Every structure is written in structure tokens, then in C-alpha cells.
Amino acid sequence: MTASGTLRRVIPECVLALLLFAMVSGSAFAEGLMPHPPKGKGEHCVASTDVMRRNHMDLMKHQRDETVHEGVRGKPFGLAGCVGCHAVKGADGQPVSHGDSRHFCRSCHDYAAVSIDCFQCHASRPDEKVKGAEGSRSGLSGLAAFFQKERP
């Protein structure tokens, strides 16, 4: 057998071996890139993992609308409940803020390149007071008080 005949037989085998290696290592590599959000404190979430992954934004928007328009608070899909259950603690034992890449929400939102603005107004840590918050006013009265403040 000539050298060119050997190459013709070996090259397809090498290509096949490289493709198989790429398929096996590629799926393992891709799995390493997937987000792995930390588990919550409770035994289960307010809905199944699949439902929350696909629909949490709609559930939270619906809860937001009920809270803002009707003054309904304390329902299962409120942001405070999510933040309280899914808080990630830092080295100091305190929950990390949304500015930290370990924050629960950021684990998936950074992966998906989705910017969220919830924490411009809402606390990103349990029991955190939001700058400018004035107690526990509910419904539109809190919003009205905000707009009635004197501005410099």
C-alpha cells in the first residue's frame, strides 16, 4: 500500500474520531455553561421549576398589577417572597445584593443576557430597606407620596 492510499484510509477515520470527540465533549462543555441557580430555602417553590423558569416574569407582572392597581399584597408570586427564599449568602454570611454576580436572579439573567430593572426600586436582599422608601404604604398612596415630595 502506498503512502497516499494509507492517508486516504486514515483521514476519514481521524475525522470521524474528532467528530465523535467534539460531540461528547461539546455536550459536556455546553452543560458547564448552563446556569445553575441556587436552590431556595423551602422544600418546594410556589410552582414547579419548569413553570417558574418559563413563566416567572408573567406571574410577577400579574402580581405587580394586582398590587399596584388593587392593593393586593402577600400573594405567592411577589418579588419579596422570591428574594427571601432564594437569597444567596456571601462570605460574611449576609445575603448578596443584585450587584453581586452570585445573586439568584443574575444566575440566569446574566446567562440569557436579559437586563432586569426590578432592583432599581425593590430590595434585592431580604429585609433590606430601599433607599427612599417611606415605611409600608400600600397601593397608590405610596406612589402619590413619592410624587408629592419636594424636589431640589
Protein backbone atom coordinates (compact mmCIF):
# COMPACT_ATOMS: atom_id res chain seq x y z
CA MET A 1 0.00 0.00 0.00
CA THR A 2 1.30 3.42 -0.90
CA ALA A 3 1.54 6.41 1.41
CA SER A 4 -1.32 8.17 -0.38
CA GLY A 5 -3.53 5.06 -0.01
CA THR A 6 -2.81 4.94 3.72
CA LEU A 7 -3.66 8.62 4.08
CA ARG A 8 -6.95 8.13 2.24
CA ARG A 9 -7.90 5.42 4.72
CA VAL A 10 -6.65 7.16 7.87
CA ILE A 11 -8.01 10.68 7.24
CA PRO A 12 -11.72 9.69 7.29
CA GLU A 13 -11.14 7.66 10.45
CA CYS A 14 -9.44 10.63 12.12
CA VAL A 15 -12.23 12.98 11.05
CA LEU A 16 -14.83 10.56 12.44
CA ALA A 17 -12.91 10.26 15.71
CA LEU A 18 -12.64 14.05 16.01
CA LEU A 19 -16.38 14.48 15.32
CA LEU A 20 -17.28 11.91 17.96
CA PHE A 21 -14.95 13.60 20.45
CA ALA A 22 -16.43 17.01 19.68
CA MET A 23 -19.99 15.71 20.15
CA VAL A 24 -19.20 14.09 23.50
CA SER A 25 -17.07 16.89 24.91
CA GLY A 26 -19.26 19.59 23.34
CA SER A 27 -22.35 18.49 25.25
CA ALA A 28 -20.34 18.29 28.48
CA PHE A 29 -18.87 21.70 27.74
CA ALA A 30 -22.28 23.17 26.99
CA GLU A 31 -23.67 21.74 30.24
CA GLY A 32 -20.89 23.56 32.08
CA LEU A 33 -22.02 26.84 30.53
CA MET A 34 -25.67 26.45 31.57
CA PRO A 35 -26.74 28.48 34.61
CA HIS A 36 -27.10 26.64 37.88
CA PRO A 37 -29.27 28.86 40.07
CA PRO A 38 -29.05 28.17 43.79
CA LYS A 39 -31.97 26.31 45.36
CA GLY A 40 -34.40 28.12 47.65
CA LYS A 41 -34.70 27.55 51.39
CA GLY A 42 -38.04 25.75 51.30
CA GLU A 43 -38.93 22.23 50.27
CA HIS A 44 -40.52 23.47 47.05
CA CYS A 45 -41.20 26.66 45.16
CA VAL A 46 -44.64 28.25 44.76
CA ALA A 47 -44.81 26.50 41.36
CA SER A 48 -42.83 23.77 39.58
CA THR A 49 -39.33 24.55 38.36
CA ASP A 50 -40.40 24.33 34.71
CA VAL A 51 -43.33 26.70 35.27
CA MET A 52 -41.16 29.22 37.10
CA ARG A 53 -38.35 29.11 34.52
CA ARG A 54 -40.74 29.71 31.64
CA ASN A 55 -43.36 31.96 33.24
CA HIS A 56 -41.94 33.75 36.29
CA MET A 57 -41.90 37.09 34.52
CA ASP A 58 -45.59 36.82 33.61
CA LEU A 59 -46.54 35.65 37.10
CA MET A 60 -44.63 38.52 38.67
CA LYS A 61 -46.10 41.08 36.27
CA HIS A 62 -49.59 39.85 37.10
CA GLN A 63 -48.78 40.11 40.81
CA ARG A 64 -47.39 43.60 40.23
CA ASP A 65 -50.57 44.70 38.51
CA GLU A 66 -52.74 43.31 41.34
CA THR A 67 -50.57 45.06 43.91
CA VAL A 68 -50.39 48.44 42.18
CA HIS A 69 -53.96 48.63 40.85
CA GLU A 70 -55.85 46.76 43.57
CA GLY A 71 -53.58 46.97 46.60
CA VAL A 72 -53.41 43.16 46.88
CA ARG A 73 -50.24 42.12 48.70
CA GLY A 74 -48.83 38.91 50.07
CA LYS A 75 -49.68 36.66 47.13
CA PRO A 76 -47.26 33.83 46.26
CA PHE A 77 -45.64 35.48 43.23
CA GLY A 78 -44.45 38.66 44.93
CA LEU A 79 -40.82 39.70 44.49
CA ALA A 80 -40.18 39.87 48.25
CA GLY A 81 -41.07 36.19 48.61
CA CYS A 82 -38.66 35.21 45.83
CA VAL A 83 -35.84 37.31 47.26
CA GLY A 84 -36.44 35.98 50.79
CA CYS A 85 -36.41 32.31 49.80
CA HIS A 86 -33.66 32.42 47.20
CA ALA A 87 -31.18 34.73 48.96
CA VAL A 88 -27.54 33.73 48.44
CA LYS A 89 -25.17 34.48 51.31
CA GLY A 90 -21.73 35.93 50.81
CA ALA A 91 -18.53 35.19 52.73
CA ASP A 92 -19.73 37.46 55.55
CA GLY A 93 -22.89 35.37 56.00
CA GLN A 94 -25.12 38.20 54.72
CA PRO A 95 -27.26 37.95 51.59
CA VAL A 96 -25.56 39.34 48.49
CA SER A 97 -27.18 42.19 46.60
CA HIS A 98 -28.19 42.21 42.94
CA GLY A 99 -24.85 43.89 42.20
CA ASP A 100 -23.10 40.60 43.03
CA SER A 101 -22.91 38.01 40.22
CA ARG A 102 -23.91 35.27 42.71
CA HIS A 103 -27.36 36.84 43.24
CA PHE A 104 -30.12 34.32 42.47
CA CYS A 105 -31.75 36.36 39.71
CA ARG A 106 -28.46 37.08 38.00
CA SER A 107 -27.53 33.41 37.61
CA CYS A 108 -29.99 33.01 34.72
CA HIS A 109 -30.46 36.61 33.63
CA ASP A 110 -26.73 37.10 33.01
CA TYR A 111 -26.63 33.84 31.03
CA ALA A 112 -29.59 34.93 28.90
CA ALA A 113 -28.25 38.50 28.56
CA VAL A 114 -31.52 39.82 29.97
CA SER A 115 -31.43 43.10 31.85
CA ILE A 116 -33.90 43.39 34.71
CA ASP A 117 -34.84 46.63 36.40
CA CYS A 118 -36.71 45.30 39.44
CA PHE A 119 -33.98 46.26 41.87
CA GLN A 120 -33.88 49.90 40.85
CA CYS A 121 -36.88 50.26 43.16
CA HIS A 122 -37.16 46.96 45.05
CA ALA A 123 -34.82 45.45 47.64
CA SER A 124 -32.55 42.73 46.28
CA ARG A 125 -31.89 41.28 49.74
CA PRO A 126 -34.36 40.11 52.38
CA ASP A 127 -35.28 42.73 54.99
CA GLU A 128 -33.27 45.40 53.13
CA LYS A 129 -34.64 48.92 53.21
CA VAL A 130 -34.75 50.52 49.80
CA LYS A 131 -33.24 53.98 49.55
CA GLY A 132 -36.06 56.48 49.61
CA ALA A 133 -38.68 54.03 50.87
CA GLU A 134 -41.13 55.53 53.33
CA GLY A 135 -42.43 52.74 55.51
CA SER A 136 -45.03 50.27 54.38
CA ARG A 137 -47.53 52.36 52.45
CA SER A 138 -49.67 50.31 50.16
CA GLY A 139 -51.26 50.86 46.80
CA LEU A 140 -51.32 54.26 45.19
CA SER A 141 -50.88 56.24 48.42
CA GLY A 142 -47.16 55.38 48.48
CA LEU A 143 -46.81 56.38 44.85
CA ALA A 144 -48.68 59.62 45.46
CA ALA A 145 -46.44 60.41 48.45
CA PHE A 146 -43.39 59.87 46.26
CA PHE A 147 -44.56 62.39 43.67
CA GLN A 148 -45.60 64.93 46.32
CA LYS A 149 -42.08 65.19 47.75
CA GLU A 150 -40.33 68.44 47.14
CA ARG A 151 -37.51 68.10 44.67
CA PRO A 152 -34.30 70.16 44.78
